[in-house]
Structure formats: structure tokens, C-alpha cells
Amino acid sequence: MPSKKKPAPRMFCDICDIFDKHDTEDCPLQSSDSPPATPLIQNSSKERVIPPPRKYCDSCEVFGHEVGECDDEDTF
């Protein structure tokens, strides 16, 4: 019985995500001088930033002022 030869592996580029054009090592985009793409995440450190507390009025239940600063005439 004659043995069948396996076909050569297909070329694939991980950067372009395409078959049969070129290998990743030969990719024309790999050696380009273009700047790297900016990340979509603004805060790449993944550190949670807690905003400062907002003033809240328990009397009229509105943000922006405290009970001592509340205009009593507007209170229901």
C-alpha cells in the first residue's frame, strides 16, 4: 500500500486572522511603525475610584444640600 503524504499545514496569521496569505512571522502589520491601539478601558489599573460623598438633605430628600442648608418653605 502506498502511504499518503499529509498536506502541508496552511499558513495563518494571528494578527490579521486570515488563512493562506502569510504566516504571523511574515505579517506586514507586525513590523509597522504605527502606534499601538488604545485600550477601550479608561482606567486600565482596574482600581476602584470612590467619588467624594454628596450632600443630602434628610428633610426634603434631595441631593445638593444638607438639613441645615434646607429652605424650610419648600419642604412638604
PDB file of N, CA and C in Angstrom:
ATOM      1  N   MET A   1       0.827  -1.190   0.000  1.00  0.00           N
ATOM      2  CA  MET A   1       0.000   0.000   0.000  1.00  0.00           C
ATOM      3  C   MET A   1       0.868   1.249   0.000  1.00  0.00           C
ATOM      4  N   PRO A   2       0.605   2.148  -0.913  1.00  0.00           N
ATOM      5  CA  PRO A   2       1.380   3.389  -0.889  1.00  0.00           C
ATOM      6  C   PRO A   2       0.879   4.295   0.236  1.00  0.00           C
ATOM      7  N   SER A   3       1.803   4.919   0.944  1.00  0.00           N
ATOM      8  CA  SER A   3       1.403   5.812   2.039  1.00  0.00           C
ATOM      9  C   SER A   3       1.098   7.198   1.484  1.00  0.00           C
ATOM     10  N   LYS A   4       0.029   7.772   1.992  1.00  0.00           N
ATOM     11  CA  LYS A   4      -0.351   9.114   1.554  1.00  0.00           C
ATOM     12  C   LYS A   4       0.413  10.137   2.371  1.00  0.00           C
ATOM     13  N   LYS A   5       0.871  11.142   1.701  1.00  0.00           N
ATOM     14  CA  LYS A   5       1.555  12.214   2.403  1.00  0.00           C
ATOM     15  C   LYS A   5       0.511  13.179   2.946  1.00  0.00           C
ATOM     16  N   LYS A   6       0.787  13.685   4.119  1.00  0.00           N
ATOM     17  CA  LYS A   6      -0.103  14.685   4.706  1.00  0.00           C
ATOM     18  C   LYS A   6       0.122  16.011   3.990  1.00  0.00           C
ATOM     19  N   PRO A   7      -0.943  16.762   3.772  1.00  0.00           N
ATOM     20  CA  PRO A   7      -0.753  18.067   3.136  1.00  0.00           C
ATOM     21  C   PRO A   7       0.000  19.008   4.070  1.00  0.00           C
ATOM     22  N   ALA A   8       0.676  19.941   3.470  1.00  0.00           N
ATOM     23  CA  ALA A   8       1.415  20.929   4.259  1.00  0.00           C
ATOM     24  C   ALA A   8       0.425  21.755   5.070  1.00  0.00           C
ATOM     25  N   PRO A   9       0.814  22.177   6.272  1.00  0.00           N
ATOM     26  CA  PRO A   9      -0.105  23.000   7.065  1.00  0.00           C
ATOM     27  C   PRO A   9      -0.375  24.328   6.363  1.00  0.00           C
ATOM     28  N   ARG A  10      -1.582  24.796   6.522  1.00  0.00           N
ATOM     29  CA  ARG A  10      -1.968  26.068   5.900  1.00  0.00           C
ATOM     30  C   ARG A  10      -1.304  27.223   6.633  1.00  0.00           C
ATOM     31  N   MET A  11      -0.982  28.265   5.891  1.00  0.00           N
ATOM     32  CA  MET A  11      -0.439  29.469   6.513  1.00  0.00           C
ATOM     33  C   MET A  11      -1.582  30.199   7.224  1.00  0.00           C
ATOM     34  N   PHE A  12      -1.289  30.744   8.380  1.00  0.00           N
ATOM     35  CA  PHE A  12      -2.292  31.505   9.126  1.00  0.00           C
ATOM     36  C   PHE A  12      -1.604  32.647   9.849  1.00  0.00           C
ATOM     37  N   CYS A  13      -2.225  33.818   9.819  1.00  0.00           N
ATOM     38  CA  CYS A  13      -1.694  34.985  10.514  1.00  0.00           C
ATOM     39  C   CYS A  13      -2.580  35.286  11.718  1.00  0.00           C
ATOM     40  N   ASP A  14      -2.002  35.236  12.908  1.00  0.00           N
ATOM     41  CA  ASP A  14      -2.746  35.550  14.131  1.00  0.00           C
ATOM     42  C   ASP A  14      -3.082  37.038  14.227  1.00  0.00           C
ATOM     43  N   ILE A  15      -2.298  37.869  13.607  1.00  0.00           N
ATOM     44  CA  ILE A  15      -2.529  39.311  13.680  1.00  0.00           C
ATOM     45  C   ILE A  15      -3.689  39.715  12.773  1.00  0.00           C
ATOM     46  N   CYS A  16      -3.655  39.247  11.521  1.00  0.00           N
ATOM     47  CA  CYS A  16      -4.714  39.582  10.562  1.00  0.00           C
ATOM     48  C   CYS A  16      -5.922  38.658  10.691  1.00  0.00           C
ATOM     49  N   ASP A  17      -5.717  37.500  11.296  1.00  0.00           N
ATOM     50  CA  ASP A  17      -6.755  36.493  11.465  1.00  0.00           C
ATOM     51  C   ASP A  17      -7.248  35.988  10.107  1.00  0.00           C
ATOM     52  N   ILE A  18      -6.286  35.675   9.219  1.00  0.00           N
ATOM     53  CA  ILE A  18      -6.624  35.153   7.900  1.00  0.00           C
ATOM     54  C   ILE A  18      -5.747  33.948   7.569  1.00  0.00           C
ATOM     55  N   PHE A  19      -6.273  33.061   6.724  1.00  0.00           N
ATOM     56  CA  PHE A  19      -5.540  31.896   6.246  1.00  0.00           C
ATOM     57  C   PHE A  19      -4.941  32.181   4.869  1.00  0.00           C
ATOM     58  N   ASP A  20      -3.893  31.451   4.558  1.00  0.00           N
ATOM     59  CA  ASP A  20      -3.309  31.323   3.225  1.00  0.00           C
ATOM     60  C   ASP A  20      -2.699  32.587   2.625  1.00  0.00           C
ATOM     61  N   LYS A  21      -2.592  33.656   3.330  1.00  0.00           N
ATOM     62  CA  LYS A  21      -1.933  34.861   2.805  1.00  0.00           C
ATOM     63  C   LYS A  21      -0.472  34.914   3.247  1.00  0.00           C
ATOM     64  N   HIS A  22      -0.246  34.778   4.548  1.00  0.00           N
ATOM     65  CA  HIS A  22       1.098  34.803   5.114  1.00  0.00           C
ATOM     66  C   HIS A  22       1.045  34.261   6.540  1.00  0.00           C
ATOM     67  N   ASP A  23       2.218  33.923   7.072  1.00  0.00           N
ATOM     68  CA  ASP A  23       2.308  33.492   8.473  1.00  0.00           C
ATOM     69  C   ASP A  23       2.396  34.715   9.371  1.00  0.00           C
ATOM     70  N   THR A  24       2.189  34.498  10.657  1.00  0.00           N
ATOM     71  CA  THR A  24       2.278  35.594  11.617  1.00  0.00           C
ATOM     72  C   THR A  24       3.657  36.235  11.595  1.00  0.00           C
ATOM     73  N   GLU A  25       4.687  35.411  11.460  1.00  0.00           N
ATOM     74  CA  GLU A  25       6.055  35.937  11.441  1.00  0.00           C
ATOM     75  C   GLU A  25       6.308  36.847  10.250  1.00  0.00           C
ATOM     76  N   ASP A  26       5.592  36.637   9.149  1.00  0.00           N
ATOM     77  CA  ASP A  26       5.793  37.429   7.937  1.00  0.00           C
ATOM     78  C   ASP A  26       4.749  38.524   7.768  1.00  0.00           C
ATOM     79  N   CYS A  27       3.958  38.768   8.766  1.00  0.00           N
ATOM     80  CA  CYS A  27       2.871  39.743   8.667  1.00  0.00           C
ATOM     81  C   CYS A  27       3.413  41.154   8.455  1.00  0.00           C
ATOM     82  N   PRO A  28       2.895  41.872   7.457  1.00  0.00           N
ATOM     83  CA  PRO A  28       3.359  43.240   7.241  1.00  0.00           C
ATOM     84  C   PRO A  28       2.938  44.196   8.353  1.00  0.00           C
ATOM     85  N   LEU A  29       1.897  43.860   9.084  1.00  0.00           N
ATOM     86  CA  LEU A  29       1.464  44.721  10.187  1.00  0.00           C
ATOM     87  C   LEU A  29       2.332  44.575  11.431  1.00  0.00           C
ATOM     88  N   GLN A  30       3.026  43.470  11.535  1.00  0.00           N
ATOM     89  CA  GLN A  30       3.850  43.210  12.712  1.00  0.00           C
ATOM     90  C   GLN A  30       4.992  44.199  12.841  1.00  0.00           C
ATOM     91  N   SER A  31       5.548  44.594  11.740  1.00  0.00           N
ATOM     92  CA  SER A  31       6.692  45.499  11.806  1.00  0.00           C
ATOM     93  C   SER A  31       6.323  46.936  11.495  1.00  0.00           C
ATOM     94  N   SER A  32       5.046  47.252  11.491  1.00  0.00           N
ATOM     95  CA  SER A  32       4.648  48.622  11.167  1.00  0.00           C
ATOM     96  C   SER A  32       5.011  49.554  12.307  1.00  0.00           C
ATOM     97  N   ASP A  33       5.233  50.808  11.953  1.00  0.00           N
ATOM     98  CA  ASP A  33       5.609  51.801  12.945  1.00  0.00           C
ATOM     99  C   ASP A  33       4.406  52.541  13.505  1.00  0.00           C
ATOM    100  N   SER A  34       3.202  52.052  13.232  1.00  0.00           N
ATOM    101  CA  SER A  34       2.006  52.730  13.730  1.00  0.00           C
ATOM    102  C   SER A  34       1.911  52.553  15.244  1.00  0.00           C
ATOM    103  N   PRO A  35       1.329  53.533  15.936  1.00  0.00           N
ATOM    104  CA  PRO A  35       1.211  53.425  17.382  1.00  0.00           C
ATOM    105  C   PRO A  35       0.258  52.304  17.770  1.00  0.00           C
ATOM    106  N   PRO A  36       0.455  51.715  18.935  1.00  0.00           N
ATOM    107  CA  PRO A  36      -0.441  50.643  19.361  1.00  0.00           C
ATOM    108  C   PRO A  36      -1.846  51.178  19.592  1.00  0.00           C
ATOM    109  N   ALA A  37      -2.809  50.296  19.422  1.00  0.00           N
ATOM    110  CA  ALA A  37      -4.209  50.692  19.618  1.00  0.00           C
ATOM    111  C   ALA A  37      -4.438  51.068  21.078  1.00  0.00           C
ATOM    112  N   THR A  38      -5.267  52.081  21.296  1.00  0.00           N
ATOM    113  CA  THR A  38      -5.553  52.498  22.658  1.00  0.00           C
ATOM    114  C   THR A  38      -6.542  51.536  23.280  1.00  0.00           C
ATOM    115  N   PRO A  39      -6.384  51.225  24.548  1.00  0.00           N
ATOM    116  CA  PRO A  39      -7.312  50.298  25.200  1.00  0.00           C
ATOM    117  C   PRO A  39      -8.687  50.924  25.347  1.00  0.00           C
ATOM    118  N   LEU A  40      -9.716  50.076  25.322  1.00  0.00           N
ATOM    119  CA  LEU A  40     -11.077  50.556  25.465  1.00  0.00           C
ATOM    120  C   LEU A  40     -11.399  50.926  26.905  1.00  0.00           C
ATOM    121  N   ILE A  41     -10.671  50.352  27.827  1.00  0.00           N
ATOM    122  CA  ILE A  41     -10.912  50.620  29.245  1.00  0.00           C
ATOM    123  C   ILE A  41     -10.163  51.891  29.624  1.00  0.00           C
ATOM    124  N   GLN A  42     -10.866  52.870  30.128  1.00  0.00           N
ATOM    125  CA  GLN A  42     -10.245  54.135  30.501  1.00  0.00           C
ATOM    126  C   GLN A  42      -9.321  53.960  31.699  1.00  0.00           C
ATOM    127  N   ASN A  43      -9.780  53.269  32.725  1.00  0.00           N
ATOM    128  CA  ASN A  43      -8.999  53.076  33.943  1.00  0.00           C
ATOM    129  C   ASN A  43      -8.368  51.694  33.882  1.00  0.00           C
ATOM    130  N   SER A  44      -7.207  51.597  33.219  1.00  0.00           N
ATOM    131  CA  SER A  44      -6.604  50.296  32.993  1.00  0.00           C
ATOM    132  C   SER A  44      -6.001  49.697  34.259  1.00  0.00           C
ATOM    133  N   SER A  45      -5.861  50.473  35.323  1.00  0.00           N
ATOM    134  CA  SER A  45      -5.308  49.926  36.550  1.00  0.00           C
ATOM    135  C   SER A  45      -6.341  49.091  37.295  1.00  0.00           C
ATOM    136  N   LYS A  46      -7.589  49.167  36.877  1.00  0.00           N
ATOM    137  CA  LYS A  46      -8.701  48.427  37.469  1.00  0.00           C
ATOM    138  C   LYS A  46      -8.858  48.726  38.954  1.00  0.00           C
ATOM    139  N   GLU A  47      -8.387  49.869  39.368  1.00  0.00           N
ATOM    140  CA  GLU A  47      -8.526  50.290  40.751  1.00  0.00           C
ATOM    141  C   GLU A  47      -9.829  51.059  40.890  1.00  0.00           C
ATOM    142  N   ARG A  48     -10.638  50.695  41.852  1.00  0.00           N
ATOM    143  CA  ARG A  48     -11.939  51.334  42.035  1.00  0.00           C
ATOM    144  C   ARG A  48     -11.739  52.712  42.655  1.00  0.00           C
ATOM    145  N   VAL A  49     -12.306  53.710  42.016  1.00  0.00           N
ATOM    146  CA  VAL A  49     -12.209  55.079  42.500  1.00  0.00           C
ATOM    147  C   VAL A  49     -13.565  55.459  43.074  1.00  0.00           C
ATOM    148  N   ILE A  50     -13.591  55.757  44.356  1.00  0.00           N
ATOM    149  CA  ILE A  50     -14.831  56.126  45.034  1.00  0.00           C
ATOM    150  C   ILE A  50     -14.952  57.643  45.030  1.00  0.00           C
ATOM    151  N   PRO A  51     -16.066  58.156  44.496  1.00  0.00           N
ATOM    152  CA  PRO A  51     -16.228  59.613  44.457  1.00  0.00           C
ATOM    153  C   PRO A  51     -16.458  60.168  45.862  1.00  0.00           C
ATOM    154  N   PRO A  52     -16.219  61.460  46.039  1.00  0.00           N
ATOM    155  CA  PRO A  52     -16.464  62.050  47.358  1.00  0.00           C
ATOM    156  C   PRO A  52     -17.964  62.023  47.666  1.00  0.00           C
ATOM    157  N   PRO A  53     -18.322  61.996  48.957  1.00  0.00           N
ATOM    158  CA  PRO A  53     -19.746  61.935  49.304  1.00  0.00           C
ATOM    159  C   PRO A  53     -20.478  63.210  48.872  1.00  0.00           C
ATOM    160  N   ARG A  54     -21.738  63.034  48.434  1.00  0.00           N
ATOM    161  CA  ARG A  54     -22.553  64.190  48.036  1.00  0.00           C
ATOM    162  C   ARG A  54     -23.393  64.625  49.227  1.00  0.00           C
ATOM    163  N   LYS A  55     -23.696  65.903  49.265  1.00  0.00           N
ATOM    164  CA  LYS A  55     -24.575  66.421  50.308  1.00  0.00           C
ATOM    165  C   LYS A  55     -25.981  65.883  50.063  1.00  0.00           C
ATOM    166  N   TYR A  56     -26.686  65.528  51.161  1.00  0.00           N
ATOM    167  CA  TYR A  56     -28.044  65.010  51.059  1.00  0.00           C
ATOM    168  C   TYR A  56     -28.875  65.575  52.198  1.00  0.00           C
ATOM    169  N   CYS A  57     -30.070  66.027  51.886  1.00  0.00           N
ATOM    170  CA  CYS A  57     -30.966  66.595  52.893  1.00  0.00           C
ATOM    171  C   CYS A  57     -31.985  65.535  53.294  1.00  0.00           C
ATOM    172  N   ASP A  58     -31.968  65.140  54.558  1.00  0.00           N
ATOM    173  CA  ASP A  58     -32.935  64.168  55.063  1.00  0.00           C
ATOM    174  C   ASP A  58     -34.333  64.777  55.187  1.00  0.00           C
ATOM    175  N   SER A  59     -34.410  66.096  55.247  1.00  0.00           N
ATOM    176  CA  SER A  59     -35.695  66.763  55.405  1.00  0.00           C
ATOM    177  C   SER A  59     -36.499  66.725  54.098  1.00  0.00           C
ATOM    178  N   CYS A  60     -35.901  67.157  52.999  1.00  0.00           N
ATOM    179  CA  CYS A  60     -36.631  67.179  51.728  1.00  0.00           C
ATOM    180  C   CYS A  60     -36.206  66.049  50.787  1.00  0.00           C
ATOM    181  N   GLU A  61     -35.261  65.225  51.233  1.00  0.00           N
ATOM    182  CA  GLU A  61     -34.791  64.062  50.490  1.00  0.00           C
ATOM    183  C   GLU A  61     -34.260  64.428  49.103  1.00  0.00           C
ATOM    184  N   VAL A  62     -33.406  65.427  49.044  1.00  0.00           N
ATOM    185  CA  VAL A  62     -32.821  65.905  47.804  1.00  0.00           C
ATOM    186  C   VAL A  62     -31.312  66.014  47.991  1.00  0.00           C
ATOM    187  N   PHE A  63     -30.576  65.627  46.956  1.00  0.00           N
ATOM    188  CA  PHE A  63     -29.129  65.809  46.970  1.00  0.00           C
ATOM    189  C   PHE A  63     -28.793  67.253  46.654  1.00  0.00           C
ATOM    190  N   GLY A  64     -27.651  67.719  47.152  1.00  0.00           N
ATOM    191  CA  GLY A  64     -27.167  69.052  46.819  1.00  0.00           C
ATOM    192  C   GLY A  64     -27.042  69.973  48.020  1.00  0.00           C
ATOM    193  N   HIS A  65     -27.752  69.664  49.107  1.00  0.00           N
ATOM    194  CA  HIS A  65     -27.622  70.458  50.325  1.00  0.00           C
ATOM    195  C   HIS A  65     -27.927  69.564  51.528  1.00  0.00           C
ATOM    196  N   GLU A  66     -27.581  70.051  52.721  1.00  0.00           N
ATOM    197  CA  GLU A  66     -27.836  69.293  53.948  1.00  0.00           C
ATOM    198  C   GLU A  66     -29.002  69.912  54.686  1.00  0.00           C
ATOM    199  N   VAL A  67     -29.440  69.264  55.763  1.00  0.00           N
ATOM    200  CA  VAL A  67     -30.616  69.719  56.520  1.00  0.00           C
ATOM    201  C   VAL A  67     -30.445  71.156  56.981  1.00  0.00           C
ATOM    202  N   GLY A  68     -29.272  71.526  57.462  1.00  0.00           N
ATOM    203  CA  GLY A  68     -29.031  72.882  57.951  1.00  0.00           C
ATOM    204  C   GLY A  68     -29.089  73.935  56.847  1.00  0.00           C
ATOM    205  N   GLU A  69     -28.915  73.536  55.618  1.00  0.00           N
ATOM    206  CA  GLU A  69     -28.953  74.457  54.490  1.00  0.00           C
ATOM    207  C   GLU A  69     -30.298  74.427  53.759  1.00  0.00           C
ATOM    208  N   CYS A  70     -31.240  73.634  54.248  1.00  0.00           N
ATOM    209  CA  CYS A  70     -32.518  73.427  53.564  1.00  0.00           C
ATOM    210  C   CYS A  70     -33.420  74.650  53.717  1.00  0.00           C
ATOM    211  N   ASP A  71     -34.112  75.000  52.635  1.00  0.00           N
ATOM    212  CA  ASP A  71     -35.085  76.079  52.657  1.00  0.00           C
ATOM    213  C   ASP A  71     -36.398  75.468  53.157  1.00  0.00           C
ATOM    214  N   ASP A  72     -36.787  75.769  54.393  1.00  0.00           N
ATOM    215  CA  ASP A  72     -37.962  75.152  55.016  1.00  0.00           C
ATOM    216  C   ASP A  72     -39.267  75.461  54.290  1.00  0.00           C
ATOM    217  N   GLU A  73     -39.311  76.528  53.520  1.00  0.00           N
ATOM    218  CA  GLU A  73     -40.537  76.888  52.822  1.00  0.00           C
ATOM    219  C   GLU A  73     -40.839  75.903  51.687  1.00  0.00           C
ATOM    220  N   ASP A  74     -39.819  75.270  51.133  1.00  0.00           N
ATOM    221  CA  ASP A  74     -40.019  74.331  50.036  1.00  0.00           C
ATOM    222  C   ASP A  74     -40.328  72.926  50.528  1.00  0.00           C
ATOM    223  N   THR A  75     -40.259  72.685  51.840  1.00  0.00           N
ATOM    224  CA  THR A  75     -40.482  71.363  52.388  1.00  0.00           C
ATOM    225  C   THR A  75     -41.979  71.065  52.404  1.00  0.00           C
ATOM    226  N   PHE A  76     -42.356  69.865  52.035  1.00  0.00           N
ATOM    227  CA  PHE A  76     -43.767  69.483  52.003  1.00  0.00           C
ATOM    228  C   PHE A  76     -44.240  69.107  53.375  1.00  0.00           C
TER     229      PHE A  76
END
